[in-house]
Amino acid sequence: MGSDSIATNGCRIFIRVDDLEKALRFYRDLLGHPVERVSDRWADLAPARGLTLTLEDEGPVEFHVDNFEEAAERMETAGVPVERRDRHGGKVRDPSGNVLGLHDHRE
């Protein structure tokens, strides 16, 4: 960033949730995303891979998985409907209704 930059210390992405405990069970326990800090009003997830601008129809937050079909089965077993795009990706909703992408890089 140049010296004329307005944002000088990166950015933070917020996902609004209705119930923090349900959200932690989803993101931490089901998806396996590391959590760094938790308070009674928020939880900091470990930093993501980055912020990507795209022309594709992606969710605002996308999680990389080793095998999409296996991840989709696990989500469905946990009662989370999966909208499959193809064999390597799709979308789910967290307990608050936020759309999340899941995809693998197997092909």
C-alpha atoms as a PDB file:
ATOM      1  CA  MET A   1       0.000   0.000   0.000  1.00  0.00           C
ATOM      2  CA  GLY A   2       1.245   3.429  -0.870  1.00  0.00           C
ATOM      3  CA  SER A   3       1.620   6.281   1.554  1.00  0.00           C
ATOM      4  CA  ASP A   4      -1.698   7.724   0.313  1.00  0.00           C
ATOM      5  CA  SER A   5      -3.640   4.590   1.327  1.00  0.00           C
ATOM      6  CA  ILE A   6      -6.725   5.067   3.443  1.00  0.00           C
ATOM      7  CA  ALA A   7      -6.804   1.511   4.872  1.00  0.00           C
ATOM      8  CA  THR A   8      -3.392   0.967   6.384  1.00  0.00           C
ATOM      9  CA  ASN A   9      -3.861  -2.157   8.471  1.00  0.00           C
ATOM     10  CA  GLY A  10      -5.768  -4.645   6.309  1.00  0.00           C
ATOM     11  CA  CYS A  11      -9.446  -5.374   6.735  1.00  0.00           C
ATOM     12  CA  ARG A  12     -11.764  -7.419   8.886  1.00  0.00           C
ATOM     13  CA  ILE A  13     -14.745  -9.341   7.539  1.00  0.00           C
ATOM     14  CA  PHE A  14     -17.755  -9.752   9.811  1.00  0.00           C
ATOM     15  CA  ILE A  15     -20.411 -12.442   9.533  1.00  0.00           C
ATOM     16  CA  ARG A  16     -23.559 -11.477  11.461  1.00  0.00           C
ATOM     17  CA  VAL A  17     -24.933 -14.414  13.452  1.00  0.00           C
ATOM     18  CA  ASP A  18     -28.071 -14.791  15.564  1.00  0.00           C
ATOM     19  CA  ASP A  19     -26.626 -17.168  18.164  1.00  0.00           C
ATOM     20  CA  LEU A  20     -22.889 -17.239  18.909  1.00  0.00           C
ATOM     21  CA  GLU A  21     -22.892 -20.738  20.436  1.00  0.00           C
ATOM     22  CA  LYS A  22     -24.708 -22.233  17.424  1.00  0.00           C
ATOM     23  CA  ALA A  23     -22.324 -20.377  15.121  1.00  0.00           C
ATOM     24  CA  LEU A  24     -19.284 -21.739  16.986  1.00  0.00           C
ATOM     25  CA  ARG A  25     -20.656 -25.272  16.764  1.00  0.00           C
ATOM     26  CA  PHE A  26     -21.060 -24.784  13.012  1.00  0.00           C
ATOM     27  CA  TYR A  27     -17.791 -23.003  12.145  1.00  0.00           C
ATOM     28  CA  ARG A  28     -15.477 -24.556  14.743  1.00  0.00           C
ATOM     29  CA  ASP A  29     -16.960 -27.982  15.384  1.00  0.00           C
ATOM     30  CA  LEU A  30     -18.507 -28.897  12.020  1.00  0.00           C
ATOM     31  CA  LEU A  31     -16.320 -27.005   9.534  1.00  0.00           C
ATOM     32  CA  GLY A  32     -13.222 -27.310  11.730  1.00  0.00           C
ATOM     33  CA  HIS A  33     -12.169 -23.677  11.328  1.00  0.00           C
ATOM     34  CA  PRO A  34      -9.745 -22.616  14.091  1.00  0.00           C
ATOM     35  CA  VAL A  35     -10.981 -20.039  16.601  1.00  0.00           C
ATOM     36  CA  GLU A  36      -8.450 -17.633  18.092  1.00  0.00           C
ATOM     37  CA  ARG A  37     -10.457 -15.665  20.686  1.00  0.00           C
ATOM     38  CA  VAL A  38     -13.997 -15.727  22.052  1.00  0.00           C
ATOM     39  CA  SER A  39     -15.981 -13.243  24.107  1.00  0.00           C
ATOM     40  CA  ASP A  40     -19.656 -13.196  25.017  1.00  0.00           C
ATOM     41  CA  ARG A  41     -20.430 -11.029  21.912  1.00  0.00           C
ATOM     42  CA  TRP A  42     -17.999 -12.203  19.207  1.00  0.00           C
ATOM     43  CA  ALA A  43     -15.464 -14.845  18.196  1.00  0.00           C
ATOM     44  CA  ASP A  44     -12.344 -14.293  16.104  1.00  0.00           C
ATOM     45  CA  LEU A  45     -11.769 -17.084  13.626  1.00  0.00           C
ATOM     46  CA  ALA A  46      -8.204 -17.712  12.489  1.00  0.00           C
ATOM     47  CA  PRO A  47      -7.234 -15.560   9.512  1.00  0.00           C
ATOM     48  CA  ALA A  48      -8.583 -16.726   6.183  1.00  0.00           C
ATOM     49  CA  ARG A  49      -6.452 -17.243   3.096  1.00  0.00           C
ATOM     50  CA  GLY A  50      -7.312 -13.800   1.830  1.00  0.00           C
ATOM     51  CA  LEU A  51      -9.869 -11.453   0.404  1.00  0.00           C
ATOM     52  CA  THR A  52     -10.732 -12.177  -3.228  1.00  0.00           C
ATOM     53  CA  LEU A  53     -12.590 -10.015  -5.729  1.00  0.00           C
ATOM     54  CA  THR A  54     -14.426 -12.194  -8.257  1.00  0.00           C
ATOM     55  CA  LEU A  55     -16.821 -12.081 -11.187  1.00  0.00           C
ATOM     56  CA  GLU A  56     -17.914 -15.641 -10.353  1.00  0.00           C
ATOM     57  CA  ASP A  57     -21.077 -16.531  -8.412  1.00  0.00           C
ATOM     58  CA  GLU A  58     -19.326 -17.299  -5.143  1.00  0.00           C
ATOM     59  CA  GLY A  59     -20.562 -16.848  -1.591  1.00  0.00           C
ATOM     60  CA  PRO A  60     -19.042 -14.015   0.387  1.00  0.00           C
ATOM     61  CA  VAL A  61     -17.100 -16.606   2.398  1.00  0.00           C
ATOM     62  CA  GLU A  62     -15.724 -19.777   0.871  1.00  0.00           C
ATOM     63  CA  PHE A  63     -14.098 -22.687   2.670  1.00  0.00           C
ATOM     64  CA  HIS A  64     -11.614 -24.996   0.971  1.00  0.00           C
ATOM     65  CA  VAL A  65     -12.138 -28.687   1.725  1.00  0.00           C
ATOM     66  CA  ASP A  66     -10.077 -31.744   0.796  1.00  0.00           C
ATOM     67  CA  ASN A  67     -13.013 -33.534  -0.818  1.00  0.00           C
ATOM     68  CA  PHE A  68     -16.247 -31.678  -1.519  1.00  0.00           C
ATOM     69  CA  GLU A  69     -18.452 -34.782  -1.776  1.00  0.00           C
ATOM     70  CA  GLU A  70     -17.239 -36.062   1.602  1.00  0.00           C
ATOM     71  CA  ALA A  71     -17.696 -32.615   3.154  1.00  0.00           C
ATOM     72  CA  ALA A  72     -21.194 -32.343   1.652  1.00  0.00           C
ATOM     73  CA  GLU A  73     -22.163 -35.729   3.096  1.00  0.00           C
ATOM     74  CA  ARG A  74     -20.910 -34.686   6.516  1.00  0.00           C
ATOM     75  CA  MET A  75     -22.857 -31.420   6.347  1.00  0.00           C
ATOM     76  CA  GLU A  76     -26.037 -33.231   5.310  1.00  0.00           C
ATOM     77  CA  THR A  77     -25.588 -35.790   8.086  1.00  0.00           C
ATOM     78  CA  ALA A  78     -25.415 -32.837  10.486  1.00  0.00           C
ATOM     79  CA  GLY A  79     -28.715 -31.537   9.049  1.00  0.00           C
ATOM     80  CA  VAL A  80     -27.224 -28.808   6.829  1.00  0.00           C
ATOM     81  CA  PRO A  81     -28.685 -28.786   3.280  1.00  0.00           C
ATOM     82  CA  VAL A  82     -26.087 -28.555   0.507  1.00  0.00           C
ATOM     83  CA  GLU A  83     -26.708 -26.845  -2.836  1.00  0.00           C
ATOM     84  CA  ARG A  84     -24.314 -28.623  -5.176  1.00  0.00           C
ATOM     85  CA  ARG A  85     -22.829 -26.643  -8.074  1.00  0.00           C
ATOM     86  CA  ASP A  86     -20.877 -29.667  -9.329  1.00  0.00           C
ATOM     87  CA  ARG A  87     -18.743 -32.528  -7.896  1.00  0.00           C
ATOM     88  CA  HIS A  88     -16.230 -30.041  -6.520  1.00  0.00           C
ATOM     89  CA  GLY A  89     -18.251 -27.249  -4.991  1.00  0.00           C
ATOM     90  CA  GLY A  90     -21.485 -25.874  -3.699  1.00  0.00           C
ATOM     91  CA  LYS A  91     -23.134 -23.722  -1.080  1.00  0.00           C
ATOM     92  CA  VAL A  92     -24.507 -24.145   2.429  1.00  0.00           C
ATOM     93  CA  ARG A  93     -26.100 -21.815   4.953  1.00  0.00           C
ATOM     94  CA  ASP A  94     -24.879 -21.362   8.510  1.00  0.00           C
ATOM     95  CA  PRO A  95     -27.404 -21.449  11.392  1.00  0.00           C
ATOM     96  CA  SER A  96     -28.098 -17.720  10.855  1.00  0.00           C
ATOM     97  CA  GLY A  97     -28.783 -18.156   7.129  1.00  0.00           C
ATOM     98  CA  ASN A  98     -25.478 -16.756   5.813  1.00  0.00           C
ATOM     99  CA  VAL A  99     -24.470 -18.326   2.488  1.00  0.00           C
ATOM    100  CA  LEU A 100     -21.068 -20.044   2.502  1.00  0.00           C
ATOM    101  CA  GLY A 101     -19.222 -21.699  -0.335  1.00  0.00           C
ATOM    102  CA  LEU A 102     -17.404 -25.015  -0.068  1.00  0.00           C
ATOM    103  CA  HIS A 103     -15.057 -26.321  -2.747  1.00  0.00           C
ATOM    104  CA  ASP A 104     -12.104 -28.591  -3.334  1.00  0.00           C
ATOM    105  CA  HIS A 105      -9.227 -28.414  -5.824  1.00  0.00           C
ATOM    106  CA  ARG A 106      -9.208 -32.040  -6.862  1.00  0.00           C
ATOM    107  CA  GLU A 107      -9.495 -31.176 -10.572  1.00  0.00           C
END
